[in-house]
C-alpha atoms as a PDB file:
ATOM      1  CA  MET A   1      18.918  13.362  -9.979  1.00  0.00           C
ATOM      2  CA  LYS A   2      21.014  15.397 -12.442  1.00  0.00           C
ATOM      3  CA  SER A   3      21.245  12.386 -14.729  1.00  0.00           C
ATOM      4  CA  ILE A   4      17.465  11.899 -14.648  1.00  0.00           C
ATOM      5  CA  GLU A   5      16.856  15.622 -15.218  1.00  0.00           C
ATOM      6  CA  GLU A   6      18.993  15.432 -18.362  1.00  0.00           C
ATOM      7  CA  ARG A   7      16.951  12.483 -19.633  1.00  0.00           C
ATOM      8  CA  MET A   8      13.685  14.283 -18.874  1.00  0.00           C
ATOM      9  CA  ALA A   9      14.875  17.334 -20.824  1.00  0.00           C
ATOM     10  CA  ALA A  10      15.330  15.293 -24.020  1.00  0.00           C
ATOM     11  CA  PRO A  11      12.781  16.200 -26.754  1.00  0.00           C
ATOM     12  CA  ASP A  12      11.736  12.549 -27.223  1.00  0.00           C
ATOM     13  CA  PHE A  13      11.359  11.829 -23.483  1.00  0.00           C
ATOM     14  CA  TRP A  14       7.548  11.461 -23.586  1.00  0.00           C
ATOM     15  CA  ASP A  15       7.490   9.324 -26.762  1.00  0.00           C
ATOM     16  CA  ASN A  16       7.404   6.204 -24.553  1.00  0.00           C
ATOM     17  CA  GLN A  17       4.769   7.078 -21.944  1.00  0.00           C
ATOM     18  CA  GLU A  18       5.315   4.031 -19.709  1.00  0.00           C
ATOM     19  CA  ALA A  19       9.101   4.478 -19.562  1.00  0.00           C
ATOM     20  CA  ALA A  20       8.663   8.210 -18.968  1.00  0.00           C
ATOM     21  CA  GLN A  21       6.281   7.642 -16.048  1.00  0.00           C
ATOM     22  CA  GLU A  22       8.749   5.172 -14.536  1.00  0.00           C
ATOM     23  CA  THR A  23      11.520   7.796 -14.769  1.00  0.00           C
ATOM     24  CA  VAL A  24       9.302  10.471 -13.198  1.00  0.00           C
ATOM     25  CA  GLY A  25       8.586   8.020 -10.360  1.00  0.00           C
ATOM     26  CA  GLN A  26      12.328   7.541  -9.818  1.00  0.00           C
ATOM     27  CA  MET A  27      12.762  11.304  -9.567  1.00  0.00           C
ATOM     28  CA  LYS A  28       9.946  11.621  -7.009  1.00  0.00           C
ATOM     29  CA  SER A  29      11.486   8.856  -4.889  1.00  0.00           C
ATOM     30  CA  LEU A  30      14.909  10.502  -4.946  1.00  0.00           C
ATOM     31  CA  ARG A  31      13.414  13.862  -4.000  1.00  0.00           C
ATOM     32  CA  SER A  32      11.549  12.288  -1.081  1.00  0.00           C
ATOM     33  CA  LEU A  33      14.941  11.227   0.334  1.00  0.00           C
ATOM     34  CA  ILE A  34      17.238  14.070  -0.725  1.00  0.00           C
ATOM     35  CA  GLU A  35      15.025  17.006   0.306  1.00  0.00           C
ATOM     36  CA  PRO A  36      14.668  15.944   3.981  1.00  0.00           C
ATOM     37  CA  LEU A  37      18.385  15.050   4.009  1.00  0.00           C
ATOM     38  CA  ASP A  38      19.246  18.574   2.791  1.00  0.00           C
ATOM     39  CA  GLU A  39      16.827  19.932   5.396  1.00  0.00           C
ATOM     40  CA  CYS A  40      18.699  18.038   8.124  1.00  0.00           C
ATOM     41  CA  LEU A  41      22.123  19.229   6.978  1.00  0.00           C
ATOM     42  CA  SER A  42      21.103  22.886   6.702  1.00  0.00           C
ATOM     43  CA  GLY A  43      19.273  22.579  10.034  1.00  0.00           C
ATOM     44  CA  ILE A  44      22.461  21.385  11.734  1.00  0.00           C
ATOM     45  CA  GLU A  45      24.333  24.381  10.324  1.00  0.00           C
ATOM     46  CA  ASP A  46      21.599  26.723  11.599  1.00  0.00           C
ATOM     47  CA  LEU A  47      21.783  25.028  15.005  1.00  0.00           C
ATOM     48  CA  ASP A  48      25.572  25.526  15.185  1.00  0.00           C
ATOM     49  CA  VAL A  49      25.184  29.231  14.403  1.00  0.00           C
ATOM     50  CA  MET A  50      22.344  29.629  16.903  1.00  0.00           C
ATOM     51  CA  LEU A  51      24.350  27.918  19.676  1.00  0.00           C
ATOM     52  CA  GLU A  52      27.246  30.334  19.112  1.00  0.00           C
ATOM     53  CA  MET A  53      24.922  33.336  19.203  1.00  0.00           C
ATOM     54  CA  ALA A  54      23.039  31.957  22.232  1.00  0.00           C
ATOM     55  CA  GLU A  55      26.204  32.257  24.318  1.00  0.00           C
ATOM     56  CA  GLU A  56      25.791  36.020  24.077  1.00  0.00           C
ATOM     57  CA  ASP A  57      21.975  36.289  23.787  1.00  0.00           C
ATOM     58  CA  ASP A  58      19.758  34.377  26.228  1.00  0.00           C
ATOM     59  CA  SER A  59      16.630  34.985  24.100  1.00  0.00           C
ATOM     60  CA  LEU A  60      18.152  32.915  21.282  1.00  0.00           C
ATOM     61  CA  ALA A  61      18.969  30.090  23.699  1.00  0.00           C
ATOM     62  CA  ALA A  62      15.220  29.619  24.247  1.00  0.00           C
ATOM     63  CA  GLU A  63      14.780  28.804  20.531  1.00  0.00           C
ATOM     64  CA  VAL A  64      17.335  25.971  20.521  1.00  0.00           C
ATOM     65  CA  PRO A  65      15.077  23.188  21.940  1.00  0.00           C
ATOM     66  CA  GLY A  66      12.404  23.864  19.303  1.00  0.00           C
ATOM     67  CA  LEU A  67      14.906  23.705  16.436  1.00  0.00           C
ATOM     68  CA  LEU A  68      16.455  20.555  17.875  1.00  0.00           C
ATOM     69  CA  ASP A  69      13.028  18.908  18.176  1.00  0.00           C
ATOM     70  CA  GLN A  70      12.258  19.735  14.544  1.00  0.00           C
ATOM     71  CA  LEU A  71      15.590  18.249  13.433  1.00  0.00           C
ATOM     72  CA  GLU A  72      14.977  15.064  15.415  1.00  0.00           C
ATOM     73  CA  LYS A  73      11.570  14.604  13.740  1.00  0.00           C
ATOM     74  CA  THR A  74      13.067  15.044  10.264  1.00  0.00           C
ATOM     75  CA  LEU A  75      15.839  12.596  11.105  1.00  0.00           C
ATOM     76  CA  GLU A  76      13.352  10.049  12.482  1.00  0.00           C
ATOM     77  CA  ALA A  77      11.386  10.215   9.212  1.00  0.00           C
ATOM     78  CA  LEU A  78      14.602   9.606   7.255  1.00  0.00           C
ATOM     79  CA  GLU A  79      15.524   6.634   9.459  1.00  0.00           C
ATOM     80  CA  LEU A  80      12.065   5.189   8.809  1.00  0.00           C
ATOM     81  CA  LYS A  81      12.590   5.500   5.050  1.00  0.00           C
ATOM     82  CA  ALA A  82      15.864   3.615   5.466  1.00  0.00           C
ATOM     83  CA  LEU A  83      13.741   0.592   6.436  1.00  0.00           C
ATOM     84  CA  LEU A  84      12.179   0.664   2.953  1.00  0.00           C
ATOM     85  CA  ASP A  85      15.061  -1.333   1.519  1.00  0.00           C
ATOM     86  CA  GLY A  86      13.268  -4.257  -0.152  1.00  0.00           C
ATOM     87  CA  PRO A  87      13.951  -4.970  -3.838  1.00  0.00           C
ATOM     88  CA  TYR A  88      10.462  -3.796  -4.857  1.00  0.00           C
ATOM     89  CA  ASP A  89       9.711  -1.226  -2.146  1.00  0.00           C
ATOM     90  CA  ASN A  90       9.941   1.630  -4.640  1.00  0.00           C
ATOM     91  CA  CYS A  91       7.380   0.007  -6.978  1.00  0.00           C
ATOM     92  CA  GLY A  92       3.701   0.765  -7.193  1.00  0.00           C
ATOM     93  CA  ALA A  93       1.403  -1.448  -5.103  1.00  0.00           C
ATOM     94  CA  ILE A  94      -1.272  -3.709  -6.576  1.00  0.00           C
ATOM     95  CA  VAL A  95      -3.896  -4.090  -3.843  1.00  0.00           C
ATOM     96  CA  THR A  96      -6.703  -6.665  -3.912  1.00  0.00           C
ATOM     97  CA  ILE A  97      -9.556  -6.653  -1.371  1.00  0.00           C
ATOM     98  CA  ASN A  98     -11.886  -9.660  -1.013  1.00  0.00           C
ATOM     99  CA  ALA A  99     -14.966  -9.875   1.208  1.00  0.00           C
ATOM    100  CA  ARG A 100     -14.725 -12.930   3.477  1.00  0.00           C
ATOM    101  CA  ASP A 101     -16.892 -14.229   6.358  1.00  0.00           C
ATOM    102  CA  GLY A 102     -19.757 -12.042   7.522  1.00  0.00           C
ATOM    103  CA  GLY A 103     -22.322 -11.998   4.726  1.00  0.00           C
ATOM    104  CA  THR A 104     -23.476  -8.589   3.495  1.00  0.00           C
ATOM    105  CA  ASP A 105     -21.574  -6.918   6.337  1.00  0.00           C
ATOM    106  CA  ALA A 106     -18.342  -8.333   4.904  1.00  0.00           C
ATOM    107  CA  ASN A 107     -19.188  -6.940   1.447  1.00  0.00           C
ATOM    108  CA  ASP A 108     -19.849  -3.528   2.974  1.00  0.00           C
ATOM    109  CA  TRP A 109     -16.637  -3.791   5.014  1.00  0.00           C
ATOM    110  CA  ALA A 110     -14.603  -4.588   1.876  1.00  0.00           C
ATOM    111  CA  GLU A 111     -15.919  -1.418   0.234  1.00  0.00           C
ATOM    112  CA  MET A 112     -15.106   0.612   3.378  1.00  0.00           C
ATOM    113  CA  LEU A 113     -11.498  -0.603   3.174  1.00  0.00           C
ATOM    114  CA  LEU A 114     -11.374   0.309  -0.517  1.00  0.00           C
ATOM    115  CA  THR A 115     -12.443   3.854   0.389  1.00  0.00           C
ATOM    116  CA  MET A 116      -9.952   3.994   3.290  1.00  0.00           C
ATOM    117  CA  TYR A 117      -6.949   3.179   1.091  1.00  0.00           C
ATOM    118  CA  GLY A 118      -8.132   5.636  -1.561  1.00  0.00           C
ATOM    119  CA  ARG A 119      -8.285   8.446   0.996  1.00  0.00           C
ATOM    120  CA  TRP A 120      -4.829   7.583   2.339  1.00  0.00           C
ATOM    121  CA  ALA A 121      -3.460   7.689  -1.216  1.00  0.00           C
ATOM    122  CA  ASP A 122      -5.073  11.100  -1.852  1.00  0.00           C
ATOM    123  CA  GLN A 123      -3.575  12.521   1.348  1.00  0.00           C
ATOM    124  CA  HIS A 124      -0.072  11.462   0.252  1.00  0.00           C
ATOM    125  CA  ASP A 125      -0.408  12.525  -3.412  1.00  0.00           C
ATOM    126  CA  TYR A 126      -0.354   8.960  -4.725  1.00  0.00           C
ATOM    127  CA  ALA A 127      -2.158   8.092  -7.956  1.00  0.00           C
ATOM    128  CA  VAL A 128      -4.806   5.337  -7.828  1.00  0.00           C
ATOM    129  CA  GLU A 129      -6.038   3.265 -10.779  1.00  0.00           C
ATOM    130  CA  LEU A 130      -8.970   0.860 -10.364  1.00  0.00           C
ATOM    131  CA  ILE A 131      -8.308  -2.377 -12.264  1.00  0.00           C
ATOM    132  CA  ASP A 132     -11.174  -4.621 -11.230  1.00  0.00           C
ATOM    133  CA  ARG A 133     -14.305  -4.285  -9.080  1.00  0.00           C
ATOM    134  CA  THR A 134     -17.180  -6.728  -8.566  1.00  0.00           C
ATOM    135  CA  GLU A 135     -20.281  -5.302  -6.910  1.00  0.00           C
ATOM    136  CA  ASN A 136     -22.380  -7.256  -4.426  1.00  0.00           C
ATOM    137  CA  GLU A 137     -26.123  -7.341  -5.198  1.00  0.00           C
ATOM    138  CA  GLU A 138     -27.189  -6.163  -1.729  1.00  0.00           C
ATOM    139  CA  ALA A 139     -24.420  -3.775  -0.683  1.00  0.00           C
ATOM    140  CA  GLY A 140     -20.687  -3.224  -0.964  1.00  0.00           C
ATOM    141  CA  ILE A 141     -18.351  -5.284  -3.142  1.00  0.00           C
ATOM    142  CA  ASN A 142     -17.297  -8.893  -3.515  1.00  0.00           C
ATOM    143  CA  ASN A 143     -13.777  -7.843  -4.477  1.00  0.00           C
ATOM    144  CA  ALA A 144     -11.727  -5.052  -5.989  1.00  0.00           C
ATOM    145  CA  THR A 145      -8.201  -4.591  -7.315  1.00  0.00           C
ATOM    146  CA  PHE A 146      -6.443  -1.252  -7.699  1.00  0.00           C
ATOM    147  CA  VAL A 147      -2.927   0.104  -8.190  1.00  0.00           C
ATOM    148  CA  VAL A 148      -1.354   2.780  -5.982  1.00  0.00           C
ATOM    149  CA  ARG A 149       1.572   4.620  -7.598  1.00  0.00           C
ATOM    150  CA  GLY A 150       3.986   6.976  -5.869  1.00  0.00           C
ATOM    151  CA  PRO A 151       7.286   7.016  -3.917  1.00  0.00           C
ATOM    152  CA  MET A 152       7.694   3.786  -1.939  1.00  0.00           C
ATOM    153  CA  ALA A 153       4.020   2.843  -2.428  1.00  0.00           C
ATOM    154  CA  TYR A 154       4.645  -0.915  -2.159  1.00  0.00           C
ATOM    155  CA  GLY A 155       7.160  -0.450   0.657  1.00  0.00           C
ATOM    156  CA  TYR A 156       4.535   1.283   2.786  1.00  0.00           C
ATOM    157  CA  LEU A 157       1.531  -0.867   1.848  1.00  0.00           C
ATOM    158  CA  LYS A 158       3.010  -4.381   1.767  1.00  0.00           C
ATOM    159  CA  GLY A 159       2.381  -4.828   5.496  1.00  0.00           C
ATOM    160  CA  GLU A 160      -1.373  -4.481   4.865  1.00  0.00           C
ATOM    161  CA  THR A 161      -1.527  -8.031   3.486  1.00  0.00           C
ATOM    162  CA  GLY A 162      -3.733 -10.182   5.695  1.00  0.00           C
ATOM    163  CA  MET A 163      -7.192 -10.361   7.268  1.00  0.00           C
ATOM    164  CA  HIS A 164      -8.903  -7.189   8.522  1.00  0.00           C
ATOM    165  CA  ARG A 165     -11.639  -7.793  11.150  1.00  0.00           C
ATOM    166  CA  LEU A 166     -14.543  -5.433  11.863  1.00  0.00           C
ATOM    167  CA  VAL A 167     -16.821  -5.613  14.929  1.00  0.00           C
ATOM    168  CA  ARG A 168     -19.942  -3.411  14.897  1.00  0.00           C
ATOM    169  CA  ILE A 169     -23.707  -3.292  15.274  1.00  0.00           C
ATOM    170  CA  SER A 170     -24.833  -4.505  11.867  1.00  0.00           C
ATOM    171  CA  PRO A 171     -26.750  -1.969   9.746  1.00  0.00           C
ATOM    172  CA  PHE A 172     -28.071  -4.947   7.782  1.00  0.00           C
ATOM    173  CA  ASN A 173     -29.581  -6.717  10.801  1.00  0.00           C
ATOM    174  CA  SER A 174     -33.066  -5.529  11.821  1.00  0.00           C
ATOM    175  CA  GLU A 175     -32.505  -6.842  15.352  1.00  0.00           C
ATOM    176  CA  GLY A 176     -29.467  -4.603  15.826  1.00  0.00           C
ATOM    177  CA  LYS A 177     -27.130  -7.445  16.745  1.00  0.00           C
ATOM    178  CA  ARG A 178     -23.362  -7.191  16.905  1.00  0.00           C
ATOM    179  CA  GLN A 179     -21.689  -8.585  13.776  1.00  0.00           C
ATOM    180  CA  THR A 180     -18.113  -9.620  13.126  1.00  0.00           C
ATOM    181  CA  SER A 181     -17.026  -9.486   9.498  1.00  0.00           C
ATOM    182  CA  PHE A 182     -13.768 -10.066   7.654  1.00  0.00           C
ATOM    183  CA  ALA A 183     -12.080  -8.773   4.510  1.00  0.00           C
ATOM    184  CA  ALA A 184      -8.802 -10.062   3.089  1.00  0.00           C
ATOM    185  CA  VAL A 185      -6.236  -7.639   1.686  1.00  0.00           C
ATOM    186  CA  ASP A 186      -3.414  -8.750  -0.586  1.00  0.00           C
ATOM    187  CA  VAL A 187      -0.612  -6.424  -1.737  1.00  0.00           C
ATOM    188  CA  SER A 188       1.917  -7.121  -4.498  1.00  0.00           C
ATOM    189  CA  PRO A 189       4.532  -4.895  -6.171  1.00  0.00           C
ATOM    190  CA  GLU A 190       3.761  -3.494  -9.614  1.00  0.00           C
ATOM    191  CA  ILE A 191       6.760  -4.932 -11.436  1.00  0.00           C
ATOM    192  CA  PRO A 192       8.183  -2.857 -14.340  1.00  0.00           C
ATOM    193  CA  ASP A 193       8.133  -4.611 -17.721  1.00  0.00           C
ATOM    194  CA  SER A 194      11.932  -4.430 -17.710  1.00  0.00           C
ATOM    195  CA  GLU A 195      12.037  -6.700 -14.624  1.00  0.00           C
ATOM    196  CA  GLU A 196      12.477 -10.403 -15.406  1.00  0.00           C
ATOM    197  CA  VAL A 197       9.996 -12.733 -13.668  1.00  0.00           C
ATOM    198  CA  ASP A 198      10.291 -16.404 -14.555  1.00  0.00           C
ATOM    199  CA  ILE A 199       6.832 -17.820 -15.372  1.00  0.00           C
ATOM    200  CA  ASP A 200       6.277 -20.857 -17.580  1.00  0.00           C
ATOM    201  CA  GLU A 201       3.203 -20.125 -19.729  1.00  0.00           C
ATOM    202  CA  ASP A 202       2.344 -23.847 -19.677  1.00  0.00           C
ATOM    203  CA  ASP A 203       1.806 -23.494 -15.898  1.00  0.00           C
ATOM    204  CA  VAL A 204      -0.891 -20.845 -16.395  1.00  0.00           C
ATOM    205  CA  ARG A 205      -4.541 -21.620 -17.165  1.00  0.00           C
ATOM    206  CA  THR A 206      -6.526 -18.866 -18.884  1.00  0.00           C
ATOM    207  CA  ASP A 207     -10.306 -18.559 -18.511  1.00  0.00           C
ATOM    208  CA  THR A 208     -12.534 -15.980 -20.186  1.00  0.00           C
ATOM    209  CA  TYR A 209     -15.935 -14.958 -18.861  1.00  0.00           C
ATOM    210  CA  ARG A 210     -18.576 -12.265 -19.100  1.00  0.00           C
ATOM    211  CA  ALA A 211     -17.696  -9.063 -17.288  1.00  0.00           C
ATOM    212  CA  SER A 212     -20.198  -7.957 -14.662  1.00  0.00           C
ATOM    213  CA  GLY A 213     -21.266  -4.588 -13.357  1.00  0.00           C
ATOM    214  CA  ALA A 214     -21.211  -1.225 -15.047  1.00  0.00           C
ATOM    215  CA  GLY A 215     -19.823  -0.864 -18.522  1.00  0.00           C
ATOM    216  CA  GLY A 216     -22.689  -0.901 -20.990  1.00  0.00           C
ATOM    217  CA  GLN A 217     -23.888  -3.515 -23.450  1.00  0.00           C
ATOM    218  CA  HIS A 218     -20.449  -4.334 -24.853  1.00  0.00           C
ATOM    219  CA  VAL A 219     -18.947  -5.294 -21.481  1.00  0.00           C
ATOM    220  CA  ASN A 220     -21.905  -7.404 -20.429  1.00  0.00           C
ATOM    221  CA  LYS A 221     -22.377  -9.292 -23.720  1.00  0.00           C
ATOM    222  CA  THR A 222     -18.824 -10.353 -24.575  1.00  0.00           C
ATOM    223  CA  ASP A 223     -16.314 -12.648 -22.866  1.00  0.00           C
ATOM    224  CA  SER A 224     -13.904  -9.775 -22.286  1.00  0.00           C
ATOM    225  CA  ALA A 225     -12.943 -10.633 -18.686  1.00  0.00           C
ATOM    226  CA  ILE A 226      -9.805 -12.697 -18.065  1.00  0.00           C
ATOM    227  CA  ARG A 227      -8.868 -14.996 -15.184  1.00  0.00           C
ATOM    228  CA  LEU A 228      -5.363 -16.469 -14.920  1.00  0.00           C
ATOM    229  CA  THR A 229      -4.508 -19.376 -12.599  1.00  0.00           C
ATOM    230  CA  HIS A 230      -0.871 -20.192 -11.856  1.00  0.00           C
ATOM    231  CA  ILE A 231      -1.188 -23.930 -11.236  1.00  0.00           C
ATOM    232  CA  PRO A 232       2.041 -24.570  -9.204  1.00  0.00           C
ATOM    233  CA  THR A 233       1.242 -21.880  -6.612  1.00  0.00           C
ATOM    234  CA  GLY A 234      -2.554 -21.692  -6.897  1.00  0.00           C
ATOM    235  CA  ILE A 235      -2.355 -17.916  -7.420  1.00  0.00           C
ATOM    236  CA  VAL A 236      -5.439 -16.555  -9.228  1.00  0.00           C
ATOM    237  CA  VAL A 237      -5.736 -13.080 -10.767  1.00  0.00           C
ATOM    238  CA  GLN A 238      -8.528 -11.574 -12.814  1.00  0.00           C
ATOM    239  CA  CYS A 239      -9.255  -8.383 -14.734  1.00  0.00           C
ATOM    240  CA  GLN A 240     -12.492  -7.176 -16.277  1.00  0.00           C
ATOM    241  CA  ASN A 241     -12.175  -3.408 -16.110  1.00  0.00           C
ATOM    242  CA  GLU A 242     -11.126  -2.872 -19.754  1.00  0.00           C
ATOM    243  CA  ARG A 243     -13.535  -3.220 -22.666  1.00  0.00           C
ATOM    244  CA  SER A 244     -10.943  -5.173 -24.645  1.00  0.00           C
ATOM    245  CA  GLN A 245     -10.103  -8.800 -23.822  1.00  0.00           C
ATOM    246  CA  HIS A 246      -6.568  -8.077 -25.068  1.00  0.00           C
ATOM    247  CA  LYS A 247      -6.103  -5.235 -22.551  1.00  0.00           C
ATOM    248  CA  ASN A 248      -7.602  -7.296 -19.735  1.00  0.00           C
ATOM    249  CA  ARG A 249      -5.232 -10.173 -20.585  1.00  0.00           C
ATOM    250  CA  ALA A 250      -2.207  -7.842 -20.539  1.00  0.00           C
ATOM    251  CA  GLN A 251      -3.246  -6.380 -17.191  1.00  0.00           C
ATOM    252  CA  ALA A 252      -3.918  -9.833 -15.712  1.00  0.00           C
ATOM    253  CA  TRP A 253      -0.449 -11.013 -16.764  1.00  0.00           C
ATOM    254  CA  LYS A 254       1.060  -7.929 -15.139  1.00  0.00           C
ATOM    255  CA  MET A 255      -0.794  -8.750 -11.915  1.00  0.00           C
ATOM    256  CA  LEU A 256       0.369 -12.383 -12.057  1.00  0.00           C
ATOM    257  CA  ARG A 257       4.005 -11.338 -12.548  1.00  0.00           C
ATOM    258  CA  SER A 258       3.669  -9.082  -9.526  1.00  0.00           C
ATOM    259  CA  ARG A 259       2.189 -11.812  -7.323  1.00  0.00           C
ATOM    260  CA  ILE A 260       4.925 -14.277  -8.321  1.00  0.00           C
ATOM    261  CA  ALA A 261       7.590 -11.629  -7.632  1.00  0.00           C
ATOM    262  CA  ARG A 262       6.138 -11.052  -4.174  1.00  0.00           C
ATOM    263  CA  VAL A 263       6.230 -14.796  -3.411  1.00  0.00           C
ATOM    264  CA  GLU A 264       9.938 -14.786  -4.347  1.00  0.00           C
ATOM    265  CA  GLU A 265      10.544 -11.727  -2.164  1.00  0.00           C
ATOM    266  CA  GLU A 266       8.887 -13.434   0.828  1.00  0.00           C
ATOM    267  CA  ARG A 267      11.010 -16.536   0.239  1.00  0.00           C
ATOM    268  CA  ARG A 268      14.203 -14.435   0.285  1.00  0.00           C
ATOM    269  CA  GLU A 269      13.070 -12.624   3.422  1.00  0.00           C
ATOM    270  CA  SER A 270      12.405 -15.875   5.259  1.00  0.00           C
ATOM    271  CA  GLU A 271      15.901 -17.087   4.334  1.00  0.00           C
ATOM    272  CA  GLN A 272      17.338 -13.925   5.918  1.00  0.00           C
ATOM    273  CA  ALA A 273      15.064 -14.062   8.970  1.00  0.00           C
ATOM    274  CA  GLU A 274      17.987 -14.163  11.385  1.00  0.00           C
ATOM    275  CA  LYS A 275      18.680 -10.525  10.514  1.00  0.00           C
ATOM    276  CA  TYR A 276      15.480  -9.494  12.255  1.00  0.00           C
ATOM    277  CA  LYS A 277      14.660  -9.616  15.949  1.00  0.00           C
ATOM    278  CA  THR A 278      11.020 -10.140  15.032  1.00  0.00           C
ATOM    279  CA  GLN A 279      10.211 -11.962  11.821  1.00  0.00           C
ATOM    280  CA  ALA A 280       6.975 -10.831  10.228  1.00  0.00           C
ATOM    281  CA  LYS A 281       4.404 -13.605  10.033  1.00  0.00           C
ATOM    282  CA  VAL A 282       1.850 -12.310   7.614  1.00  0.00           C
ATOM    283  CA  GLY A 283      -0.178 -13.865   4.869  1.00  0.00           C
ATOM    284  CA  PHE A 284      -3.415 -13.763   3.007  1.00  0.00           C
ATOM    285  CA  GLY A 285      -5.188 -15.617   5.827  1.00  0.00           C
ATOM    286  CA  SER A 286      -3.479 -14.041   8.837  1.00  0.00           C
ATOM    287  CA  GLN A 287      -5.563 -11.665  10.964  1.00  0.00           C
ATOM    288  CA  ILE A 288      -3.504  -8.485  11.217  1.00  0.00           C
ATOM    289  CA  ARG A 289      -5.840  -5.748  12.475  1.00  0.00           C
ATOM    290  CA  ASN A 290      -9.036  -5.344  14.464  1.00  0.00           C
ATOM    291  CA  TYR A 291     -11.468  -2.477  13.876  1.00  0.00           C
ATOM    292  CA  PHE A 292     -14.100  -1.841  16.560  1.00  0.00           C
ATOM    293  CA  LEU A 293     -17.265   0.254  16.362  1.00  0.00           C
ATOM    294  CA  HIS A 294     -18.851  -1.614  19.295  1.00  0.00           C
ATOM    295  CA  PRO A 295     -18.663  -1.621  22.292  1.00  0.00           C
ATOM    296  CA  ASP A 296     -16.090   1.181  21.846  1.00  0.00           C
ATOM    297  CA  GLN A 297     -14.470   2.844  18.839  1.00  0.00           C
ATOM    298  CA  ARG A 298     -10.838   1.928  18.243  1.00  0.00           C
ATOM    299  CA  VAL A 299      -8.500   0.224  15.798  1.00  0.00           C
ATOM    300  CA  LYS A 300      -5.629  -1.983  16.954  1.00  0.00           C
ATOM    301  CA  ASP A 301      -2.953  -3.827  15.002  1.00  0.00           C
ATOM    302  CA  ALA A 302      -2.619  -7.440  16.152  1.00  0.00           C
ATOM    303  CA  ARG A 303       1.101  -7.580  15.297  1.00  0.00           C
ATOM    304  CA  THR A 304       2.545  -4.285  16.488  1.00  0.00           C
ATOM    305  CA  GLY A 305       0.052  -3.342  19.202  1.00  0.00           C
ATOM    306  CA  PHE A 306      -0.282   0.102  17.620  1.00  0.00           C
ATOM    307  CA  TYR A 307      -3.777   1.517  18.086  1.00  0.00           C
ATOM    308  CA  VAL A 308      -5.854   4.566  17.261  1.00  0.00           C
ATOM    309  CA  GLY A 309      -8.779   5.577  19.462  1.00  0.00           C
ATOM    310  CA  SER A 310     -10.858   6.941  16.571  1.00  0.00           C
ATOM    311  CA  PHE A 311     -12.383   4.441  14.145  1.00  0.00           C
ATOM    312  CA  HIS A 312     -13.640   7.185  11.827  1.00  0.00           C
ATOM    313  CA  SER A 313     -10.259   8.901  11.483  1.00  0.00           C
ATOM    314  CA  VAL A 314      -8.787   5.579  10.317  1.00  0.00           C
ATOM    315  CA  MET A 315     -11.631   5.157   7.808  1.00  0.00           C
ATOM    316  CA  ASN A 316     -10.807   8.654   6.558  1.00  0.00           C
ATOM    317  CA  GLY A 317      -7.351   7.419   5.567  1.00  0.00           C
ATOM    318  CA  GLU A 318      -5.332   8.142   8.718  1.00  0.00           C
ATOM    319  CA  ILE A 319      -3.402   4.856   8.555  1.00  0.00           C
ATOM    320  CA  GLN A 320       0.201   6.106   8.271  1.00  0.00           C
ATOM    321  CA  GLY A 321       0.845   5.298  11.944  1.00  0.00           C
ATOM    322  CA  PHE A 322      -0.024   1.635  11.269  1.00  0.00           C
ATOM    323  CA  LEU A 323       2.221   1.538   8.212  1.00  0.00           C
ATOM    324  CA  ASP A 324       5.171   3.090  10.057  1.00  0.00           C
ATOM    325  CA  SER A 325       4.767   0.884  13.126  1.00  0.00           C
ATOM    326  CA  TYR A 326       4.767  -2.224  10.906  1.00  0.00           C
ATOM    327  CA  LEU A 327       8.087  -1.178   9.320  1.00  0.00           C
ATOM    328  CA  ARG A 328       9.660  -0.756  12.747  1.00  0.00           C
ATOM    329  CA  TRP A 329       8.124  -3.961  14.146  1.00  0.00           C
ATOM    330  CA  ARG A 330       9.395  -5.926  11.175  1.00  0.00           C
ATOM    331  CA  VAL A 331      12.989  -5.193  12.158  1.00  0.00           C
ATOM    332  CA  GLY A 332      12.420  -5.298  15.899  1.00  0.00           C
ATOM    333  CA  GLN A 333      12.389  -1.558  16.633  1.00  0.00           C
ATOM    334  CA  GLU A 334      10.176   0.029  19.260  1.00  0.00           C
ATOM    335  CA  SER A 335       7.310   2.047  17.805  1.00  0.00           C
ATOM    336  CA  PRO A 336       6.108   5.357  19.287  1.00  0.00           C
ATOM    337  CA  GLN A 337       2.423   5.107  20.228  1.00  0.00           C
ATOM    338  CA  ASN A 338      -0.415   7.634  19.878  1.00  0.00           C
END
């Protein structure tokens, strides 16, 4: 931290904005670990002093359980952060949401998920940048891509990759029938430009097309949108949010590098699967969580069994319990339940 503080104090620190932001992110991540660690150490000292004094004063003895409970909670949070040990866990997270089966309900559901992740990010002081969004003509969105930046953003969100299933009475059905709809979430690390990712440009097909949605005459009348297809893996990324084709191309390449890096990370994890009691089986097509608004209101994770009895609280961004339980489940630890 002292080394980074010295760099940040240099007069030319902000000359390179991207490098500066990366350094600030490193500092935030270190603080998120060091501050609770300092809190634990000073708390232990306070506890030692209180135990000595409690031998002579019974009123102080009554305060010991509360202090001990607070210390245990801080320590548990630190132990959870120790599970964020992947090579890209400290990176930003590039999140893509696609409406799947369920017609207009699925488009509406995709937009609900987009709002849910945005609210979670706001609650944890993460920055969110929308990269791409395609509106559906009736309601909701066809797809959207955004970046979440902050300490351990990818480490927390990577377990969200998979299919999210909603069961509710459809607001788009005049007969009031129950509807099941699906949205696919895909999460990749936002790889720094300094990170080497081996991609042969001959393996990538580039398509340009007209951007859709808001943006004025320029966006709608020029082929500014970019779609990249990595032929060996079938990975497809697209960006249309910028007015400039050049900027969209640069952003699309950044997204492709991130997706390829995540594929390599998953390959390494599968090779080390014997380290884990429970190996995570997730993927773009795997159903990971069920959200119910009918017949009752609840949300349950299909992998960890973690559930919340309030659908609306989850939609308001209260998803940290799911993220934490996934980290523990991934390494075979028991997860405390609501």
